[in-house]
Amino acid sequence: MSDSPNEPVIPDQNQNVYSQIDVTQIGAPAAPLLGSTEFETNILQALFQMTELQRRQNQLLEALVERMTILVNQNAAPNQQKAAELQKWQTDNPFLTDDCRDAMEALTKIHTNYIQEFANELTTRKEEILDSEYSFNDFIDKFGPRMMQLNGLIQFLSYLSAQIKGVKHPMGKSN
């Protein structure tokens, strides 16, 4: 550390830098600060520049929010239309909605068993599948299309059986 008043004080690494701040005035203020109109003018100009920059920043943020709102609304419109179509379908076919839910649960169990079969065969034939392109293609041909079809069917049934608020079940149940 230096004893010179013009050099910065470097705090000890173990000392908390923000623990104390001395705000007492030592001696009289410097003469140029009190009556200097040039100094005051410079301060005012800097403040006006900061204010103008903040105003410009606010304008940019407002434009950004406006554009984001437009994008959100554009993306929400197709989803709202799909939700409205699904709600109409579910209202028109309430028993079919329940049947889709039951079918999805059954298909999910089949899917789980198929994944187990897939994993077992891959574990059993791992070396053969890795070493032979024919075995690899045979493995993919055996499991790939069926796996994709099961995934697609589960996703489709999940969509059709999704509960939408406000759809009344004919037996008095409400989703």
C-alpha atoms as a PDB file:
ATOM      1  CA  MET A   1       0.000   0.000   0.000  1.00  0.00           C
ATOM      2  CA  SER A   2       1.046   3.544  -0.679  1.00  0.00           C
ATOM      3  CA  ASP A   3       0.824   6.550   1.608  1.00  0.00           C
ATOM      4  CA  SER A   4       0.291   8.952  -1.288  1.00  0.00           C
ATOM      5  CA  PRO A   5      -3.280  10.352  -1.428  1.00  0.00           C
ATOM      6  CA  ASN A   6      -3.385  10.211  -5.258  1.00  0.00           C
ATOM      7  CA  GLU A   7      -2.664   6.503  -5.594  1.00  0.00           C
ATOM      8  CA  PRO A   8      -5.530   3.998  -5.302  1.00  0.00           C
ATOM      9  CA  VAL A   9      -5.795   1.965  -2.155  1.00  0.00           C
ATOM     10  CA  ILE A  10      -5.661  -1.769  -2.850  1.00  0.00           C
ATOM     11  CA  PRO A  11      -7.567  -3.670  -0.162  1.00  0.00           C
ATOM     12  CA  ASP A  12      -6.213  -6.765   1.473  1.00  0.00           C
ATOM     13  CA  GLN A  13      -7.676  -9.926  -0.160  1.00  0.00           C
ATOM     14  CA  ASN A  14      -9.114 -11.075   3.162  1.00  0.00           C
ATOM     15  CA  GLN A  15     -10.698  -7.681   3.876  1.00  0.00           C
ATOM     16  CA  ASN A  16     -14.275  -6.985   2.846  1.00  0.00           C
ATOM     17  CA  VAL A  17     -14.081  -4.172   0.278  1.00  0.00           C
ATOM     18  CA  TYR A  18     -17.578  -2.865   1.015  1.00  0.00           C
ATOM     19  CA  SER A  19     -17.485  -3.031   4.773  1.00  0.00           C
ATOM     20  CA  GLN A  20     -17.055   0.713   5.447  1.00  0.00           C
ATOM     21  CA  ILE A  21     -17.260   3.849   3.375  1.00  0.00           C
ATOM     22  CA  ASP A  22     -16.046   7.143   4.810  1.00  0.00           C
ATOM     23  CA  VAL A  23     -18.259   9.996   3.588  1.00  0.00           C
ATOM     24  CA  THR A  24     -16.994  12.747   5.881  1.00  0.00           C
ATOM     25  CA  GLN A  25     -15.572  15.880   4.276  1.00  0.00           C
ATOM     26  CA  ILE A  26     -11.891  16.495   4.775  1.00  0.00           C
ATOM     27  CA  GLY A  27     -11.097  20.175   4.515  1.00  0.00           C
ATOM     28  CA  ALA A  28     -12.795  22.669   2.249  1.00  0.00           C
ATOM     29  CA  PRO A  29     -13.983  21.593  -1.192  1.00  0.00           C
ATOM     30  CA  ALA A  30     -11.789  22.408  -4.132  1.00  0.00           C
ATOM     31  CA  ALA A  31     -12.423  25.884  -5.527  1.00  0.00           C
ATOM     32  CA  PRO A  32     -13.169  24.818  -9.151  1.00  0.00           C
ATOM     33  CA  LEU A  33     -16.126  22.720  -7.997  1.00  0.00           C
ATOM     34  CA  LEU A  34     -18.019  25.508  -6.255  1.00  0.00           C
ATOM     35  CA  GLY A  35     -18.304  28.359  -8.664  1.00  0.00           C
ATOM     36  CA  SER A  36     -17.251  26.841 -11.960  1.00  0.00           C
ATOM     37  CA  THR A  37     -19.979  27.255 -14.527  1.00  0.00           C
ATOM     38  CA  GLU A  38     -17.897  25.274 -17.010  1.00  0.00           C
ATOM     39  CA  PHE A  39     -17.862  22.331 -14.619  1.00  0.00           C
ATOM     40  CA  GLU A  40     -21.599  22.640 -13.980  1.00  0.00           C
ATOM     41  CA  THR A  41     -22.241  22.913 -17.724  1.00  0.00           C
ATOM     42  CA  ASN A  42     -20.226  19.756 -18.354  1.00  0.00           C
ATOM     43  CA  ILE A  43     -22.162  17.902 -15.661  1.00  0.00           C
ATOM     44  CA  LEU A  44     -25.487  19.065 -17.081  1.00  0.00           C
ATOM     45  CA  GLN A  45     -24.477  18.064 -20.608  1.00  0.00           C
ATOM     46  CA  ALA A  46     -23.456  14.638 -19.380  1.00  0.00           C
ATOM     47  CA  LEU A  47     -26.763  14.264 -17.526  1.00  0.00           C
ATOM     48  CA  PHE A  48     -28.725  15.329 -20.612  1.00  0.00           C
ATOM     49  CA  GLN A  49     -26.771  12.852 -22.740  1.00  0.00           C
ATOM     50  CA  MET A  50     -27.472  10.078 -20.235  1.00  0.00           C
ATOM     51  CA  THR A  51     -31.157  11.004 -20.198  1.00  0.00           C
ATOM     52  CA  GLU A  52     -31.305  10.962 -23.992  1.00  0.00           C
ATOM     53  CA  LEU A  53     -29.531   7.609 -24.137  1.00  0.00           C
ATOM     54  CA  GLN A  54     -31.982   6.183 -21.595  1.00  0.00           C
ATOM     55  CA  ARG A  55     -34.901   7.588 -23.601  1.00  0.00           C
ATOM     56  CA  ARG A  56     -33.526   5.936 -26.765  1.00  0.00           C
ATOM     57  CA  GLN A  57     -32.973   2.688 -24.905  1.00  0.00           C
ATOM     58  CA  ASN A  58     -36.585   2.786 -23.688  1.00  0.00           C
ATOM     59  CA  GLN A  59     -37.795   3.344 -27.256  1.00  0.00           C
ATOM     60  CA  LEU A  60     -35.796   0.353 -28.454  1.00  0.00           C
ATOM     61  CA  LEU A  61     -37.141  -1.798 -25.630  1.00  0.00           C
ATOM     62  CA  GLU A  62     -40.707  -0.721 -26.431  1.00  0.00           C
ATOM     63  CA  ALA A  63     -40.169  -1.647 -30.097  1.00  0.00           C
ATOM     64  CA  LEU A  64     -38.726  -5.000 -29.033  1.00  0.00           C
ATOM     65  CA  VAL A  65     -41.694  -5.719 -26.766  1.00  0.00           C
ATOM     66  CA  GLU A  66     -44.084  -4.771 -29.568  1.00  0.00           C
ATOM     67  CA  ARG A  67     -42.375  -7.130 -32.027  1.00  0.00           C
ATOM     68  CA  MET A  68     -42.230  -9.942 -29.478  1.00  0.00           C
ATOM     69  CA  THR A  69     -45.946  -9.494 -28.791  1.00  0.00           C
ATOM     70  CA  ILE A  70     -46.675  -9.768 -32.510  1.00  0.00           C
ATOM     71  CA  LEU A  71     -44.585 -12.953 -32.765  1.00  0.00           C
ATOM     72  CA  VAL A  72     -46.251 -14.491 -29.728  1.00  0.00           C
ATOM     73  CA  ASN A  73     -49.685 -13.709 -31.131  1.00  0.00           C
ATOM     74  CA  GLN A  74     -48.734 -15.165 -34.530  1.00  0.00           C
ATOM     75  CA  ASN A  75     -47.552 -18.373 -32.898  1.00  0.00           C
ATOM     76  CA  ALA A  76     -50.540 -18.562 -30.568  1.00  0.00           C
ATOM     77  CA  ALA A  77     -53.167 -18.315 -33.311  1.00  0.00           C
ATOM     78  CA  PRO A  78     -52.536 -21.772 -34.857  1.00  0.00           C
ATOM     79  CA  ASN A  79     -52.385 -23.355 -31.394  1.00  0.00           C
ATOM     80  CA  GLN A  80     -55.676 -21.719 -30.416  1.00  0.00           C
ATOM     81  CA  GLN A  81     -57.246 -22.968 -33.641  1.00  0.00           C
ATOM     82  CA  LYS A  82     -56.013 -26.519 -32.976  1.00  0.00           C
ATOM     83  CA  ALA A  83     -57.295 -26.350 -29.404  1.00  0.00           C
ATOM     84  CA  ALA A  84     -60.682 -25.126 -30.624  1.00  0.00           C
ATOM     85  CA  GLU A  85     -60.874 -27.935 -33.207  1.00  0.00           C
ATOM     86  CA  LEU A  86     -59.901 -30.507 -30.595  1.00  0.00           C
ATOM     87  CA  GLN A  87     -62.448 -29.155 -28.142  1.00  0.00           C
ATOM     88  CA  LYS A  88     -65.192 -29.332 -30.780  1.00  0.00           C
ATOM     89  CA  TRP A  89     -64.172 -32.893 -31.676  1.00  0.00           C
ATOM     90  CA  GLN A  90     -64.174 -33.908 -28.023  1.00  0.00           C
ATOM     91  CA  THR A  91     -67.554 -32.263 -27.454  1.00  0.00           C
ATOM     92  CA  ASP A  92     -68.986 -34.076 -30.481  1.00  0.00           C
ATOM     93  CA  ASN A  93     -67.377 -37.433 -29.532  1.00  0.00           C
ATOM     94  CA  PRO A  94     -67.117 -37.655 -25.731  1.00  0.00           C
ATOM     95  CA  PHE A  95     -67.173 -41.455 -25.570  1.00  0.00           C
ATOM     96  CA  LEU A  96     -64.580 -41.692 -28.322  1.00  0.00           C
ATOM     97  CA  THR A  97     -62.332 -39.428 -26.260  1.00  0.00           C
ATOM     98  CA  ASP A  98     -62.551 -41.868 -23.353  1.00  0.00           C
ATOM     99  CA  ASP A  99     -61.938 -44.793 -25.721  1.00  0.00           C
ATOM    100  CA  CYS A 100     -58.844 -43.042 -27.088  1.00  0.00           C
ATOM    101  CA  ARG A 101     -57.575 -42.569 -23.542  1.00  0.00           C
ATOM    102  CA  ASP A 102     -58.080 -46.288 -22.791  1.00  0.00           C
ATOM    103  CA  ALA A 103     -56.460 -47.290 -26.097  1.00  0.00           C
ATOM    104  CA  MET A 104     -53.484 -45.045 -25.382  1.00  0.00           C
ATOM    105  CA  GLU A 105     -52.940 -46.677 -21.991  1.00  0.00           C
ATOM    106  CA  ALA A 106     -53.076 -50.163 -23.553  1.00  0.00           C
ATOM    107  CA  LEU A 107     -50.796 -49.133 -26.406  1.00  0.00           C
ATOM    108  CA  THR A 108     -48.346 -47.625 -23.931  1.00  0.00           C
ATOM    109  CA  LYS A 109     -48.038 -51.024 -22.197  1.00  0.00           C
ATOM    110  CA  ILE A 110     -47.449 -52.699 -25.582  1.00  0.00           C
ATOM    111  CA  HIS A 111     -44.878 -50.021 -26.381  1.00  0.00           C
ATOM    112  CA  THR A 112     -43.064 -50.649 -23.093  1.00  0.00           C
ATOM    113  CA  ASN A 113     -42.909 -54.397 -23.789  1.00  0.00           C
ATOM    114  CA  TYR A 114     -41.653 -53.714 -27.308  1.00  0.00           C
ATOM    115  CA  ILE A 115     -38.905 -51.446 -25.975  1.00  0.00           C
ATOM    116  CA  GLN A 116     -37.900 -54.227 -23.581  1.00  0.00           C
ATOM    117  CA  GLU A 117     -37.724 -56.698 -26.491  1.00  0.00           C
ATOM    118  CA  PHE A 118     -35.722 -54.139 -28.486  1.00  0.00           C
ATOM    119  CA  ALA A 119     -33.237 -53.637 -25.633  1.00  0.00           C
ATOM    120  CA  ASN A 120     -32.878 -57.357 -24.968  1.00  0.00           C
ATOM    121  CA  GLU A 121     -32.132 -58.149 -28.616  1.00  0.00           C
ATOM    122  CA  LEU A 122     -29.677 -55.272 -28.872  1.00  0.00           C
ATOM    123  CA  THR A 123     -27.887 -56.452 -25.723  1.00  0.00           C
ATOM    124  CA  THR A 124     -27.833 -60.074 -26.900  1.00  0.00           C
ATOM    125  CA  ARG A 125     -26.673 -59.331 -30.465  1.00  0.00           C
ATOM    126  CA  LYS A 126     -24.547 -56.250 -29.738  1.00  0.00           C
ATOM    127  CA  GLU A 127     -21.290 -57.600 -31.208  1.00  0.00           C
ATOM    128  CA  GLU A 128     -22.991 -59.049 -34.273  1.00  0.00           C
ATOM    129  CA  ILE A 129     -24.912 -55.821 -34.935  1.00  0.00           C
ATOM    130  CA  LEU A 130     -21.794 -53.689 -34.554  1.00  0.00           C
ATOM    131  CA  ASP A 131     -19.645 -55.909 -36.764  1.00  0.00           C
ATOM    132  CA  SER A 132     -22.028 -56.556 -39.633  1.00  0.00           C
ATOM    133  CA  GLU A 133     -23.858 -53.975 -41.694  1.00  0.00           C
ATOM    134  CA  TYR A 134     -26.329 -56.672 -42.747  1.00  0.00           C
ATOM    135  CA  SER A 135     -27.138 -57.465 -39.089  1.00  0.00           C
ATOM    136  CA  PHE A 136     -27.450 -53.792 -38.276  1.00  0.00           C
ATOM    137  CA  ASN A 137     -29.843 -53.199 -41.188  1.00  0.00           C
ATOM    138  CA  ASP A 138     -31.800 -56.334 -40.240  1.00  0.00           C
ATOM    139  CA  PHE A 139     -32.105 -55.047 -36.652  1.00  0.00           C
ATOM    140  CA  ILE A 140     -33.260 -51.599 -37.829  1.00  0.00           C
ATOM    141  CA  ASP A 141     -35.720 -53.128 -40.302  1.00  0.00           C
ATOM    142  CA  LYS A 142     -37.140 -55.344 -37.569  1.00  0.00           C
ATOM    143  CA  PHE A 143     -37.615 -52.692 -34.886  1.00  0.00           C
ATOM    144  CA  GLY A 144     -37.456 -49.277 -36.558  1.00  0.00           C
ATOM    145  CA  PRO A 145     -40.736 -49.010 -38.479  1.00  0.00           C
ATOM    146  CA  ARG A 146     -42.823 -50.604 -35.756  1.00  0.00           C
ATOM    147  CA  MET A 147     -41.243 -48.397 -33.095  1.00  0.00           C
ATOM    148  CA  MET A 148     -41.994 -45.268 -35.139  1.00  0.00           C
ATOM    149  CA  GLN A 149     -45.568 -46.400 -35.765  1.00  0.00           C
ATOM    150  CA  LEU A 150     -46.140 -47.088 -32.078  1.00  0.00           C
ATOM    151  CA  ASN A 151     -44.698 -43.690 -31.160  1.00  0.00           C
ATOM    152  CA  GLY A 152     -46.928 -41.976 -33.717  1.00  0.00           C
ATOM    153  CA  LEU A 153     -50.054 -43.814 -32.570  1.00  0.00           C
ATOM    154  CA  ILE A 154     -49.386 -43.021 -28.910  1.00  0.00           C
ATOM    155  CA  GLN A 155     -48.828 -39.359 -29.734  1.00  0.00           C
ATOM    156  CA  PHE A 156     -52.018 -39.239 -31.830  1.00  0.00           C
ATOM    157  CA  LEU A 157     -54.110 -40.940 -29.146  1.00  0.00           C
ATOM    158  CA  SER A 158     -52.591 -38.721 -26.489  1.00  0.00           C
ATOM    159  CA  TYR A 159     -53.623 -35.658 -28.484  1.00  0.00           C
ATOM    160  CA  LEU A 160     -57.181 -36.932 -29.006  1.00  0.00           C
ATOM    161  CA  SER A 161     -57.626 -37.964 -25.403  1.00  0.00           C
ATOM    162  CA  ALA A 162     -56.167 -34.790 -23.866  1.00  0.00           C
ATOM    163  CA  GLN A 163     -58.464 -33.212 -21.345  1.00  0.00           C
ATOM    164  CA  ILE A 164     -59.639 -29.762 -22.268  1.00  0.00           C
ATOM    165  CA  LYS A 165     -61.283 -27.546 -19.684  1.00  0.00           C
ATOM    166  CA  GLY A 166     -64.937 -26.936 -20.293  1.00  0.00           C
ATOM    167  CA  VAL A 167     -65.683 -30.116 -22.233  1.00  0.00           C
ATOM    168  CA  LYS A 168     -68.598 -31.851 -20.533  1.00  0.00           C
ATOM    169  CA  HIS A 169     -68.879 -35.604 -20.448  1.00  0.00           C
ATOM    170  CA  PRO A 170     -72.374 -36.888 -21.260  1.00  0.00           C
ATOM    171  CA  MET A 171     -72.463 -38.863 -18.013  1.00  0.00           C
ATOM    172  CA  GLY A 172     -71.974 -35.705 -15.950  1.00  0.00           C
ATOM    173  CA  LYS A 173     -68.176 -35.857 -15.624  1.00  0.00           C
ATOM    174  CA  SER A 174     -66.307 -32.683 -16.506  1.00  0.00           C
ATOM    175  CA  ASN A 175     -62.765 -32.663 -17.889  1.00  0.00           C
END
